[in-house]
Amino acid sequence: MTTAVQDRLDLSTEDKTEVEVLRDYIRSDPADDTILEIICESVKAKADRYMKNDFTDDEGEELPIPKDIKLWVMQMVMRKYNRRANGIQSEQEDGFGGLNWSDEEMKELQEYRKMEWP
């Protein structure tokens, strides 16, 4: 399995760690740093599974991971952080209704599901 994004994509800067960069981008609280780290690891793994690209040239030398992918990772971390209640189809204010869940609730786990046959 290719893990170029997981192994080599570093969102940190000279003066900020990866989680600090994400915290600034998302405008989150330092108390959520562990959540951001977990989400970031998951998003990077998802990128590798989708792209199946080791970002090496014909001689096996590592190529830089494109900045577009760095931005996608940051955007997906923000999306997953802000939408932690995965699968919500609609939401209404308290006293005026409730939450309706779409079929998306388990979608991201589907690829890991093992089917048992009799």
Protein backbone atom coordinates (compact mmCIF):
# COMPACT_ATOMS: atom_id res chain seq x y z
CA MET A 1 0.00 0.00 0.00
CA THR A 2 1.26 3.44 -0.91
CA THR A 3 1.60 5.83 2.03
CA ALA A 4 3.37 8.82 0.53
CA VAL A 5 0.92 11.37 1.90
CA GLN A 6 0.88 9.78 5.34
CA ASP A 7 4.67 9.46 5.48
CA ARG A 8 5.84 12.62 3.73
CA LEU A 9 3.19 15.32 3.68
CA ASP A 10 4.04 17.70 6.52
CA LEU A 11 1.77 20.66 7.11
CA SER A 12 4.12 22.30 9.59
CA THR A 13 6.03 25.53 8.95
CA GLU A 14 9.33 26.84 10.31
CA ASP A 15 7.62 28.24 13.39
CA LYS A 16 4.47 26.09 13.76
CA THR A 17 3.81 22.40 14.20
CA GLU A 18 1.34 20.59 11.95
CA VAL A 19 -1.41 20.72 14.56
CA GLU A 20 -0.78 24.44 15.17
CA VAL A 21 -1.13 25.12 11.44
CA LEU A 22 -4.40 23.17 11.38
CA ARG A 23 -5.64 24.93 14.52
CA ASP A 24 -5.00 28.33 12.90
CA TYR A 25 -6.61 27.28 9.62
CA ILE A 26 -9.68 25.87 11.33
CA ARG A 27 -9.73 28.41 14.17
CA SER A 28 -10.07 25.70 16.78
CA ASP A 29 -9.19 25.56 20.45
CA PRO A 30 -5.94 23.93 21.63
CA ALA A 31 -8.09 21.53 23.65
CA ASP A 32 -9.08 19.93 20.33
CA ASP A 33 -5.52 19.22 19.18
CA THR A 34 -5.85 15.47 19.69
CA ILE A 35 -9.03 15.45 17.61
CA LEU A 36 -7.26 17.40 14.85
CA GLU A 37 -4.35 14.94 14.87
CA ILE A 38 -6.70 11.95 14.56
CA ILE A 39 -8.68 13.60 11.76
CA CYS A 40 -5.50 14.60 9.92
CA GLU A 41 -4.08 11.06 10.07
CA SER A 42 -7.37 9.68 8.76
CA VAL A 43 -7.58 12.21 5.92
CA LYS A 44 -4.00 11.53 4.83
CA ALA A 45 -4.67 7.78 4.81
CA LYS A 46 -7.81 8.34 2.76
CA ALA A 47 -5.82 10.38 0.22
CA ASP A 48 -3.27 7.58 -0.14
CA ARG A 49 -5.96 4.92 -0.57
CA TYR A 50 -7.67 7.00 -3.25
CA MET A 51 -4.64 8.15 -5.23
CA LYS A 52 -2.43 5.04 -4.94
CA ASN A 53 0.48 7.27 -5.93
CA ASP A 54 3.90 6.98 -4.30
CA PHE A 55 5.10 10.28 -5.82
CA THR A 56 8.39 8.94 -7.14
CA ASP A 57 9.99 9.30 -10.54
CA ASP A 58 11.13 6.47 -12.84
CA GLU A 59 14.37 6.08 -10.88
CA GLY A 60 12.52 5.81 -7.57
CA GLU A 61 13.49 9.28 -6.37
CA GLU A 62 10.86 10.98 -4.25
CA LEU A 63 8.94 13.79 -5.91
CA PRO A 64 7.43 16.61 -3.87
CA ILE A 65 3.79 16.11 -2.98
CA PRO A 66 1.81 18.83 -4.79
CA LYS A 67 0.55 21.81 -2.80
CA ASP A 68 -2.95 21.09 -4.11
CA ILE A 69 -2.92 17.90 -2.07
CA LYS A 70 -1.72 19.79 1.00
CA LEU A 71 -4.64 22.20 0.63
CA TRP A 72 -7.09 19.31 0.07
CA VAL A 73 -5.88 17.67 3.30
CA MET A 74 -6.34 20.91 5.22
CA GLN A 75 -9.81 21.45 3.74
CA MET A 76 -10.88 17.89 4.51
CA VAL A 77 -9.60 18.16 8.09
CA MET A 78 -11.62 21.35 8.50
CA ARG A 79 -14.70 19.74 6.97
CA LYS A 80 -14.49 16.68 9.19
CA TYR A 81 -13.78 18.80 12.27
CA ASN A 82 -16.75 21.08 11.60
CA ARG A 83 -19.05 18.21 10.63
CA ARG A 84 -18.21 15.77 13.41
CA ALA A 85 -21.81 14.55 13.45
CA ASN A 86 -21.28 12.57 10.24
CA GLY A 87 -24.35 11.77 8.17
CA ILE A 88 -26.67 14.57 9.25
CA GLN A 89 -29.05 15.30 6.41
CA SER A 90 -30.88 18.17 8.10
CA GLU A 91 -31.01 19.86 11.49
CA GLN A 92 -33.56 22.14 13.09
CA GLU A 93 -33.50 24.30 16.21
CA ASP A 94 -34.45 22.73 19.53
CA GLY A 95 -38.20 22.69 19.97
CA PHE A 96 -38.81 22.93 16.24
CA GLY A 97 -37.75 19.45 15.16
CA GLY A 98 -34.66 17.26 15.31
CA LEU A 99 -31.91 15.64 13.34
CA ASN A 100 -32.43 13.49 10.28
CA TRP A 101 -29.60 11.12 9.42
CA SER A 102 -28.80 10.18 5.83
CA ASP A 103 -27.43 6.85 4.65
CA GLU A 104 -23.98 8.49 4.68
CA GLU A 105 -23.61 7.76 8.40
CA MET A 106 -21.68 4.51 7.82
CA LYS A 107 -20.40 5.23 4.30
CA GLU A 108 -16.77 5.78 5.24
CA LEU A 109 -16.63 2.48 7.13
CA GLN A 110 -18.10 0.47 4.25
CA GLU A 111 -14.74 -0.24 2.64
CA TYR A 112 -13.51 -1.89 5.87
CA ARG A 113 -16.57 -4.07 6.36
CA LYS A 114 -15.96 -7.78 6.06
CA MET A 115 -18.79 -9.79 4.61
CA GLU A 116 -19.27 -13.22 6.12
CA TRP A 117 -20.76 -15.88 3.93
CA PRO A 118 -22.50 -18.95 5.35
